[in-house]
PDB file of N, CA and C in Angstrom:
ATOM      1  N   MET A   1      -0.759 -10.197 -25.803  1.00  0.00           N
ATOM      2  CA  MET A   1      -0.440  -9.865 -24.417  1.00  0.00           C
ATOM      3  C   MET A   1      -1.654  -9.247 -23.748  1.00  0.00           C
ATOM      4  N   PRO A   2      -1.948  -9.675 -22.527  1.00  0.00           N
ATOM      5  CA  PRO A   2      -3.102  -9.120 -21.809  1.00  0.00           C
ATOM      6  C   PRO A   2      -2.924  -7.627 -21.520  1.00  0.00           C
ATOM      7  N   LYS A   3      -4.052  -6.966 -21.407  1.00  0.00           N
ATOM      8  CA  LYS A   3      -4.061  -5.543 -21.085  1.00  0.00           C
ATOM      9  C   LYS A   3      -4.315  -5.396 -19.583  1.00  0.00           C
ATOM     10  N   LEU A   4      -3.728  -4.367 -18.992  1.00  0.00           N
ATOM     11  CA  LEU A   4      -3.914  -4.093 -17.569  1.00  0.00           C
ATOM     12  C   LEU A   4      -5.000  -3.037 -17.407  1.00  0.00           C
ATOM     13  N   ILE A   5      -6.030  -3.363 -16.653  1.00  0.00           N
ATOM     14  CA  ILE A   5      -7.142  -2.445 -16.388  1.00  0.00           C
ATOM     15  C   ILE A   5      -6.979  -1.942 -14.955  1.00  0.00           C
ATOM     16  N   VAL A   6      -6.770  -0.621 -14.820  1.00  0.00           N
ATOM     17  CA  VAL A   6      -6.509  -0.036 -13.503  1.00  0.00           C
ATOM     18  C   VAL A   6      -7.566   1.028 -13.192  1.00  0.00           C
ATOM     19  N   PRO A   7      -8.473   0.753 -12.237  1.00  0.00           N
ATOM     20  CA  PRO A   7      -9.446   1.776 -11.831  1.00  0.00           C
ATOM     21  C   PRO A   7      -8.732   2.994 -11.222  1.00  0.00           C
ATOM     22  N   ASP A   8      -9.376   4.132 -11.265  1.00  0.00           N
ATOM     23  CA  ASP A   8      -8.773   5.387 -10.778  1.00  0.00           C
ATOM     24  C   ASP A   8      -8.346   5.308  -9.316  1.00  0.00           C
ATOM     25  N   ASP A   9      -9.167   4.678  -8.461  1.00  0.00           N
ATOM     26  CA  ASP A   9      -8.812   4.615  -7.033  1.00  0.00           C
ATOM     27  C   ASP A   9      -7.571   3.750  -6.797  1.00  0.00           C
ATOM     28  N   VAL A  10      -7.393   2.692  -7.590  1.00  0.00           N
ATOM     29  CA  VAL A  10      -6.205   1.845  -7.448  1.00  0.00           C
ATOM     30  C   VAL A  10      -4.974   2.586  -7.978  1.00  0.00           C
ATOM     31  N   ALA A  11      -5.144   3.318  -9.085  1.00  0.00           N
ATOM     32  CA  ALA A  11      -4.032   4.106  -9.632  1.00  0.00           C
ATOM     33  C   ALA A  11      -3.579   5.152  -8.622  1.00  0.00           C
ATOM     34  N   ALA A  12      -4.525   5.795  -7.937  1.00  0.00           N
ATOM     35  CA  ALA A  12      -4.186   6.790  -6.923  1.00  0.00           C
ATOM     36  C   ALA A  12      -3.442   6.135  -5.759  1.00  0.00           C
ATOM     37  N   CYS A  13      -3.859   4.938  -5.385  1.00  0.00           N
ATOM     38  CA  CYS A  13      -3.190   4.204  -4.306  1.00  0.00           C
ATOM     39  C   CYS A  13      -1.744   3.910  -4.693  1.00  0.00           C
ATOM     40  N   ILE A  14      -1.521   3.484  -5.934  1.00  0.00           N
ATOM     41  CA  ILE A  14      -0.165   3.186  -6.397  1.00  0.00           C
ATOM     42  C   ILE A  14       0.695   4.454  -6.401  1.00  0.00           C
ATOM     43  N   ARG A  15       0.125   5.552  -6.860  1.00  0.00           N
ATOM     44  CA  ARG A  15       0.866   6.831  -6.901  1.00  0.00           C
ATOM     45  C   ARG A  15       1.316   7.273  -5.518  1.00  0.00           C
ATOM     46  N   ASN A  16       0.530   6.949  -4.487  1.00  0.00           N
ATOM     47  CA  ASN A  16       0.828   7.402  -3.131  1.00  0.00           C
ATOM     48  C   ASN A  16       1.732   6.457  -2.345  1.00  0.00           C
ATOM     49  N   LEU A  17       2.165   5.369  -2.954  1.00  0.00           N
ATOM     50  CA  LEU A  17       3.037   4.432  -2.257  1.00  0.00           C
ATOM     51  C   LEU A  17       4.451   4.996  -2.124  1.00  0.00           C
ATOM     52  N   HIS A  18       5.185   4.466  -1.171  1.00  0.00           N
ATOM     53  CA  HIS A  18       6.601   4.807  -1.020  1.00  0.00           C
ATOM     54  C   HIS A  18       7.321   4.413  -2.311  1.00  0.00           C
ATOM     55  N   PRO A  19       8.271   5.230  -2.790  1.00  0.00           N
ATOM     56  CA  PRO A  19       8.944   4.938  -4.077  1.00  0.00           C
ATOM     57  C   PRO A  19       9.524   3.525  -4.182  1.00  0.00           C
ATOM     58  N   HIS A  20      10.085   3.009  -3.099  1.00  0.00           N
ATOM     59  CA  HIS A  20      10.661   1.663  -3.130  1.00  0.00           C
ATOM     60  C   HIS A  20       9.567   0.612  -3.363  1.00  0.00           C
ATOM     61  N   LEU A  21       8.446   0.756  -2.652  1.00  0.00           N
ATOM     62  CA  LEU A  21       7.338  -0.178  -2.789  1.00  0.00           C
ATOM     63  C   LEU A  21       6.658  -0.010  -4.152  1.00  0.00           C
ATOM     64  N   LYS A  22       6.558   1.239  -4.619  1.00  0.00           N
ATOM     65  CA  LYS A  22       5.953   1.509  -5.923  1.00  0.00           C
ATOM     66  C   LYS A  22       6.720   0.781  -7.029  1.00  0.00           C
ATOM     67  N   LYS A  23       8.048   0.776  -6.927  1.00  0.00           N
ATOM     68  CA  LYS A  23       8.885   0.095  -7.921  1.00  0.00           C
ATOM     69  C   LYS A  23       8.613  -1.412  -7.892  1.00  0.00           C
ATOM     70  N   LYS A  24       8.481  -1.980  -6.682  1.00  0.00           N
ATOM     71  CA  LYS A  24       8.185  -3.406  -6.548  1.00  0.00           C
ATOM     72  C   LYS A  24       6.804  -3.740  -7.124  1.00  0.00           C
ATOM     73  N   VAL A  25       5.823  -2.871  -6.880  1.00  0.00           N
ATOM     74  CA  VAL A  25       4.466  -3.104  -7.373  1.00  0.00           C
ATOM     75  C   VAL A  25       4.460  -3.075  -8.896  1.00  0.00           C
ATOM     76  N   ARG A  26       5.120  -2.095  -9.482  1.00  0.00           N
ATOM     77  CA  ARG A  26       5.153  -2.016 -10.951  1.00  0.00           C
ATOM     78  C   ARG A  26       5.839  -3.228 -11.557  1.00  0.00           C
ATOM     79  N   SER A  27       6.912  -3.675 -10.936  1.00  0.00           N
ATOM     80  CA  SER A  27       7.611  -4.873 -11.393  1.00  0.00           C
ATOM     81  C   SER A  27       6.685  -6.092 -11.288  1.00  0.00           C
ATOM     82  N   SER A  28       5.947  -6.176 -10.201  1.00  0.00           N
ATOM     83  CA  SER A  28       5.023  -7.288  -9.998  1.00  0.00           C
ATOM     84  C   SER A  28       3.893  -7.265 -11.017  1.00  0.00           C
ATOM     85  N   LEU A  29       3.424  -6.073 -11.366  1.00  0.00           N
ATOM     86  CA  LEU A  29       2.358  -5.971 -12.363  1.00  0.00           C
ATOM     87  C   LEU A  29       2.846  -6.479 -13.720  1.00  0.00           C
ATOM     88  N   LYS A  30       4.092  -6.175 -14.069  1.00  0.00           N
ATOM     89  CA  LYS A  30       4.659  -6.700 -15.318  1.00  0.00           C
ATOM     90  C   LYS A  30       4.723  -8.216 -15.269  1.00  0.00           C
ATOM     91  N   TYR A  31       5.106  -8.758 -14.116  1.00  0.00           N
ATOM     92  CA  TYR A  31       5.186 -10.200 -13.941  1.00  0.00           C
ATOM     93  C   TYR A  31       3.801 -10.838 -14.086  1.00  0.00           C
ATOM     94  N   ILE A  32       2.777 -10.202 -13.494  1.00  0.00           N
ATOM     95  CA  ILE A  32       1.400 -10.709 -13.587  1.00  0.00           C
ATOM     96  C   ILE A  32       0.932 -10.689 -15.041  1.00  0.00           C
ATOM     97  N   LEU A  33       1.278  -9.638 -15.788  1.00  0.00           N
ATOM     98  CA  LEU A  33       0.879  -9.580 -17.193  1.00  0.00           C
ATOM     99  C   LEU A  33       1.546 -10.687 -18.011  1.00  0.00           C
ATOM    100  N   ASP A  34       2.769 -11.058 -17.647  1.00  0.00           N
ATOM    101  CA  ASP A  34       3.449 -12.153 -18.338  1.00  0.00           C
ATOM    102  C   ASP A  34       2.831 -13.510 -17.998  1.00  0.00           C
ATOM    103  N   ASP A  35       2.405 -13.669 -16.749  1.00  0.00           N
ATOM    104  CA  ASP A  35       1.792 -14.920 -16.299  1.00  0.00           C
ATOM    105  C   ASP A  35       0.572 -14.569 -15.460  1.00  0.00           C
ATOM    106  N   THR A  36      -0.603 -14.512 -16.103  1.00  0.00           N
ATOM    107  CA  THR A  36      -1.810 -14.050 -15.411  1.00  0.00           C
ATOM    108  C   THR A  36      -2.214 -14.948 -14.243  1.00  0.00           C
ATOM    109  N   HIS A  37      -1.747 -16.190 -14.228  1.00  0.00           N
ATOM    110  CA  HIS A  37      -2.093 -17.092 -13.130  1.00  0.00           C
ATOM    111  C   HIS A  37      -1.009 -17.136 -12.054  1.00  0.00           C
ATOM    112  N   ALA A  38      -0.157 -16.109 -12.004  1.00  0.00           N
ATOM    113  CA  ALA A  38       0.940 -16.058 -11.033  1.00  0.00           C
ATOM    114  C   ALA A  38       0.429 -15.923  -9.608  1.00  0.00           C
ATOM    115  N   GLY A  39      -0.668 -15.230  -9.430  1.00  0.00           N
ATOM    116  CA  GLY A  39      -1.210 -15.018  -8.091  1.00  0.00           C
ATOM    117  C   GLY A  39      -1.964 -16.226  -7.581  1.00  0.00           C
ATOM    118  N   LYS A  40      -2.141 -16.262  -6.269  1.00  0.00           N
ATOM    119  CA  LYS A  40      -2.867 -17.347  -5.610  1.00  0.00           C
ATOM    120  C   LYS A  40      -4.371 -17.157  -5.817  1.00  0.00           C
ATOM    121  N   ALA A  41      -5.053 -18.215  -6.214  1.00  0.00           N
ATOM    122  CA  ALA A  41      -6.510 -18.153  -6.373  1.00  0.00           C
ATOM    123  C   ALA A  41      -7.163 -18.019  -4.999  1.00  0.00           C
ATOM    124  N   LEU A  42      -8.092 -17.072  -4.887  1.00  0.00           N
ATOM    125  CA  LEU A  42      -8.781 -16.861  -3.608  1.00  0.00           C
ATOM    126  C   LEU A  42     -10.037 -17.722  -3.542  1.00  0.00           C
ATOM    127  N   LEU A  43     -10.541 -17.920  -2.346  1.00  0.00           N
ATOM    128  CA  LEU A  43     -11.669 -18.825  -2.121  1.00  0.00           C
ATOM    129  C   LEU A  43     -12.873 -18.086  -1.535  1.00  0.00           C
ATOM    130  N   ASP A  44     -13.953 -18.822  -1.360  1.00  0.00           N
ATOM    131  CA  ASP A  44     -15.185 -18.365  -0.710  1.00  0.00           C
ATOM    132  C   ASP A  44     -15.748 -17.108  -1.368  1.00  0.00           C
ATOM    133  N   GLU A  45     -15.942 -16.033  -0.579  1.00  0.00           N
ATOM    134  CA  GLU A  45     -16.562 -14.817  -1.120  1.00  0.00           C
ATOM    135  C   GLU A  45     -15.714 -14.163  -2.198  1.00  0.00           C
ATOM    136  N   LEU A  46     -14.413 -14.432  -2.200  1.00  0.00           N
ATOM    137  CA  LEU A  46     -13.504 -13.811  -3.171  1.00  0.00           C
ATOM    138  C   LEU A  46     -13.117 -14.785  -4.292  1.00  0.00           C
ATOM    139  N   ALA A  47     -13.894 -15.832  -4.485  1.00  0.00           N
ATOM    140  CA  ALA A  47     -13.614 -16.790  -5.567  1.00  0.00           C
ATOM    141  C   ALA A  47     -13.661 -16.050  -6.902  1.00  0.00           C
ATOM    142  N   GLY A  48     -12.730 -16.366  -7.780  1.00  0.00           N
ATOM    143  CA  GLY A  48     -12.638 -15.691  -9.064  1.00  0.00           C
ATOM    144  C   GLY A  48     -11.584 -14.600  -9.067  1.00  0.00           C
ATOM    145  N   PHE A  49     -11.081 -14.262  -7.900  1.00  0.00           N
ATOM    146  CA  PHE A  49     -10.036 -13.247  -7.769  1.00  0.00           C
ATOM    147  C   PHE A  49      -8.721 -13.936  -7.430  1.00  0.00           C
ATOM    148  N   ARG A  50      -7.626 -13.231  -7.650  1.00  0.00           N
ATOM    149  CA  ARG A  50      -6.301 -13.765  -7.360  1.00  0.00           C
ATOM    150  C   ARG A  50      -5.535 -12.752  -6.518  1.00  0.00           C
ATOM    151  N   SER A  51      -4.592 -13.247  -5.716  1.00  0.00           N
ATOM    152  CA  SER A  51      -3.793 -12.402  -4.829  1.00  0.00           C
ATOM    153  C   SER A  51      -2.318 -12.641  -5.130  1.00  0.00           C
ATOM    154  N   PHE A  52      -1.573 -11.554  -5.353  1.00  0.00           N
ATOM    155  CA  PHE A  52      -0.142 -11.651  -5.623  1.00  0.00           C
ATOM    156  C   PHE A  52       0.599 -10.912  -4.520  1.00  0.00           C
ATOM    157  N   ARG A  53       1.592 -11.561  -3.912  1.00  0.00           N
ATOM    158  CA  ARG A  53       2.315 -11.007  -2.767  1.00  0.00           C
ATOM    159  C   ARG A  53       3.437 -10.087  -3.210  1.00  0.00           C
ATOM    160  N   VAL A  54       3.476  -8.886  -2.598  1.00  0.00           N
ATOM    161  CA  VAL A  54       4.564  -7.927  -2.795  1.00  0.00           C
ATOM    162  C   VAL A  54       4.941  -7.416  -1.403  1.00  0.00           C
ATOM    163  N   SER A  55       5.987  -7.966  -0.828  1.00  0.00           N
ATOM    164  CA  SER A  55       6.375  -7.645   0.558  1.00  0.00           C
ATOM    165  C   SER A  55       5.193  -7.877   1.490  1.00  0.00           C
ATOM    166  N   ARG A  56       4.812  -6.848   2.260  1.00  0.00           N
ATOM    167  CA  ARG A  56       3.655  -6.957   3.158  1.00  0.00           C
ATOM    168  C   ARG A  56       2.350  -6.682   2.434  1.00  0.00           C
ATOM    169  N   PHE A  57       2.433  -6.231   1.204  1.00  0.00           N
ATOM    170  CA  PHE A  57       1.251  -5.843   0.442  1.00  0.00           C
ATOM    171  C   PHE A  57       0.752  -6.986  -0.427  1.00  0.00           C
ATOM    172  N   ARG A  58      -0.503  -6.870  -0.850  1.00  0.00           N
ATOM    173  CA  ARG A  58      -1.092  -7.825  -1.778  1.00  0.00           C
ATOM    174  C   ARG A  58      -1.725  -7.047  -2.929  1.00  0.00           C
ATOM    175  N   ILE A  59      -1.584  -7.599  -4.121  1.00  0.00           N
ATOM    176  CA  ILE A  59      -2.272  -7.073  -5.301  1.00  0.00           C
ATOM    177  C   ILE A  59      -3.427  -8.034  -5.561  1.00  0.00           C
ATOM    178  N   ILE A  60      -4.649  -7.529  -5.499  1.00  0.00           N
ATOM    179  CA  ILE A  60      -5.828  -8.352  -5.762  1.00  0.00           C
ATOM    180  C   ILE A  60      -6.300  -8.013  -7.171  1.00  0.00           C
ATOM    181  N   TYR A  61      -6.469  -9.050  -7.981  1.00  0.00           N
ATOM    182  CA  TYR A  61      -6.871  -8.847  -9.369  1.00  0.00           C
ATOM    183  C   TYR A  61      -7.738  -9.996  -9.842  1.00  0.00           C
ATOM    184  N   ARG A  62      -8.326  -9.809 -11.017  1.00  0.00           N
ATOM    185  CA  ARG A  62      -9.050 -10.909 -11.642  1.00  0.00           C
ATOM    186  C   ARG A  62      -8.737 -10.920 -13.127  1.00  0.00           C
ATOM    187  N   ILE A  63      -8.931 -12.057 -13.719  1.00  0.00           N
ATOM    188  CA  ILE A  63      -8.697 -12.223 -15.146  1.00  0.00           C
ATOM    189  C   ILE A  63     -10.060 -12.110 -15.818  1.00  0.00           C
ATOM    190  N   THR A  64     -10.190 -11.169 -16.771  1.00  0.00           N
ATOM    191  CA  THR A  64     -11.474 -10.932 -17.434  1.00  0.00           C
ATOM    192  C   THR A  64     -11.717 -11.967 -18.525  1.00  0.00           C
ATOM    193  N   ALA A  65     -12.899 -11.907 -19.126  1.00  0.00           N
ATOM    194  CA  ALA A  65     -13.259 -12.833 -20.204  1.00  0.00           C
ATOM    195  C   ALA A  65     -12.325 -12.677 -21.408  1.00  0.00           C
ATOM    196  N   LYS A  66     -11.792 -11.481 -21.612  1.00  0.00           N
ATOM    197  CA  LYS A  66     -10.866 -11.234 -22.726  1.00  0.00           C
ATOM    198  C   LYS A  66      -9.430 -11.573 -22.349  1.00  0.00           C
ATOM    199  N   ASN A  67      -9.244 -12.196 -21.178  1.00  0.00           N
ATOM    200  CA  ASN A  67      -7.927 -12.564 -20.651  1.00  0.00           C
ATOM    201  C   ASN A  67      -7.079 -11.349 -20.272  1.00  0.00           C
ATOM    202  N   ASP A  68      -7.738 -10.216 -19.998  1.00  0.00           N
ATOM    203  CA  ASP A  68      -7.037  -9.047 -19.487  1.00  0.00           C
ATOM    204  C   ASP A  68      -6.955  -9.158 -17.968  1.00  0.00           C
ATOM    205  N   VAL A  69      -6.112  -8.325 -17.367  1.00  0.00           N
ATOM    206  CA  VAL A  69      -5.942  -8.322 -15.910  1.00  0.00           C
ATOM    207  C   VAL A  69      -6.577  -7.048 -15.361  1.00  0.00           C
ATOM    208  N   GLU A  70      -7.603  -7.214 -14.526  1.00  0.00           N
ATOM    209  CA  GLU A  70      -8.275  -6.068 -13.908  1.00  0.00           C
ATOM    210  C   GLU A  70      -7.855  -5.986 -12.446  1.00  0.00           C
ATOM    211  N   LEU A  71      -7.209  -4.883 -12.074  1.00  0.00           N
ATOM    212  CA  LEU A  71      -6.827  -4.683 -10.677  1.00  0.00           C
ATOM    213  C   LEU A  71      -8.073  -4.341  -9.872  1.00  0.00           C
ATOM    214  N   ILE A  72      -8.159  -4.915  -8.696  1.00  0.00           N
ATOM    215  CA  ILE A  72      -9.286  -4.642  -7.807  1.00  0.00           C
ATOM    216  C   ILE A  72      -8.836  -3.777  -6.644  1.00  0.00           C
ATOM    217  N   ALA A  73      -7.709  -4.143  -6.025  1.00  0.00           N
ATOM    218  CA  ALA A  73      -7.215  -3.392  -4.862  1.00  0.00           C
ATOM    219  C   ALA A  73      -5.744  -3.724  -4.618  1.00  0.00           C
ATOM    220  N   ILE A  74      -5.067  -2.804  -3.960  1.00  0.00           N
ATOM    221  CA  ILE A  74      -3.692  -3.007  -3.513  1.00  0.00           C
ATOM    222  C   ILE A  74      -3.616  -2.483  -2.085  1.00  0.00           C
ATOM    223  N   GLY A  75      -3.054  -3.282  -1.189  1.00  0.00           N
ATOM    224  CA  GLY A  75      -2.945  -2.817   0.180  1.00  0.00           C
ATOM    225  C   GLY A  75      -2.244  -3.828   1.067  1.00  0.00           C
ATOM    226  N   PRO A  76      -2.076  -3.474   2.352  1.00  0.00           N
ATOM    227  CA  PRO A  76      -1.400  -4.367   3.301  1.00  0.00           C
ATOM    228  C   PRO A  76      -2.217  -5.632   3.543  1.00  0.00           C
ATOM    229  N   ARG A  77      -1.528  -6.736   3.728  1.00  0.00           N
ATOM    230  CA  ARG A  77      -2.185  -8.025   3.912  1.00  0.00           C
ATOM    231  C   ARG A  77      -3.190  -8.018   5.059  1.00  0.00           C
ATOM    232  N   GLU A  78      -2.909  -7.252   6.098  1.00  0.00           N
ATOM    233  CA  GLU A  78      -3.764  -7.250   7.287  1.00  0.00           C
ATOM    234  C   GLU A  78      -5.207  -6.848   6.973  1.00  0.00           C
ATOM    235  N   SER A  79      -5.411  -5.987   5.974  1.00  0.00           N
ATOM    236  CA  SER A  79      -6.760  -5.469   5.741  1.00  0.00           C
ATOM    237  C   SER A  79      -7.260  -5.617   4.312  1.00  0.00           C
ATOM    238  N   ILE A  80      -6.429  -6.081   3.403  1.00  0.00           N
ATOM    239  CA  ILE A  80      -6.802  -6.030   1.985  1.00  0.00           C
ATOM    240  C   ILE A  80      -7.956  -6.953   1.630  1.00  0.00           C
ATOM    241  N   TYR A  81      -8.062  -8.093   2.273  1.00  0.00           N
ATOM    242  CA  TYR A  81      -9.121  -9.027   1.904  1.00  0.00           C
ATOM    243  C   TYR A  81     -10.499  -8.509   2.316  1.00  0.00           C
ATOM    244  N   GLU A  82     -10.593  -7.919   3.506  1.00  0.00           N
ATOM    245  CA  GLU A  82     -11.859  -7.314   3.931  1.00  0.00           C
ATOM    246  C   GLU A  82     -12.208  -6.131   3.033  1.00  0.00           C
ATOM    247  N   GLU A  83     -11.199  -5.342   2.698  1.00  0.00           N
ATOM    248  CA  GLU A  83     -11.414  -4.193   1.817  1.00  0.00           C
ATOM    249  C   GLU A  83     -11.894  -4.643   0.430  1.00  0.00           C
ATOM    250  N   THR A  84     -11.287  -5.693  -0.089  1.00  0.00           N
ATOM    251  CA  THR A  84     -11.687  -6.212  -1.400  1.00  0.00           C
ATOM    252  C   THR A  84     -13.130  -6.693  -1.359  1.00  0.00           C
ATOM    253  N   TYR A  85     -13.487  -7.399  -0.311  1.00  0.00           N
ATOM    254  CA  TYR A  85     -14.869  -7.867  -0.177  1.00  0.00           C
ATOM    255  C   TYR A  85     -15.834  -6.691  -0.150  1.00  0.00           C
ATOM    256  N   ARG A  86     -15.480  -5.633   0.581  1.00  0.00           N
ATOM    257  CA  ARG A  86     -16.312  -4.431   0.648  1.00  0.00           C
ATOM    258  C   ARG A  86     -16.448  -3.793  -0.736  1.00  0.00           C
ATOM    259  N   ILE A  87     -15.347  -3.746  -1.494  1.00  0.00           N
ATOM    260  CA  ILE A  87     -15.364  -3.142  -2.833  1.00  0.00           C
ATOM    261  C   ILE A  87     -16.294  -3.912  -3.762  1.00  0.00           C
ATOM    262  N   ILE A  88     -16.153  -5.237  -3.799  1.00  0.00           N
ATOM    263  CA  ILE A  88     -16.978  -6.001  -4.740  1.00  0.00           C
ATOM    264  C   ILE A  88     -18.445  -6.077  -4.313  1.00  0.00           C
ATOM    265  N   ARG A  89     -18.693  -6.015  -3.007  1.00  0.00           N
ATOM    266  CA  ARG A  89     -20.072  -6.039  -2.519  1.00  0.00           C
ATOM    267  C   ARG A  89     -20.811  -4.755  -2.893  1.00  0.00           C
ATOM    268  N   ASN A  90     -20.087  -3.620  -2.955  1.00  0.00           N
ATOM    269  CA  ASN A  90     -20.727  -2.337  -3.238  1.00  0.00           C
ATOM    270  C   ASN A  90     -20.800  -2.006  -4.720  1.00  0.00           C
ATOM    271  N   ARG A  91     -20.286  -2.890  -5.574  1.00  0.00           N
ATOM    272  CA  ARG A  91     -20.360  -2.636  -7.029  1.00  0.00           C
ATOM    273  C   ARG A  91     -21.785  -2.872  -7.517  1.00  0.00           C
ATOM    274  N   PRO A  92     -22.202  -2.077  -8.515  1.00  0.00           N
ATOM    275  CA  PRO A  92     -23.561  -2.281  -9.057  1.00  0.00           C
ATOM    276  C   PRO A  92     -23.692  -3.601  -9.816  1.00  0.00           C
TER     277      PRO A  92
END
């Protein structure tokens, strides 16, 4: 079974969600771990990443070389893709 890799900033974001949405996100993460290709493959600058829909929110993740699931960002659809691009652009 794949392992879930959660950076500290994403974990903090999940902790601060409304309890109802937090429950949906956790359920979705279990679903993603069962089927790592459940999310939609992203294109262009975000190629290699996947997006999974949870209500108005999106979970952005990628599948590592070890077939683990690394969370990149969680947020509302309106801004998550720009935020994800900013996150990956600023990584060393």
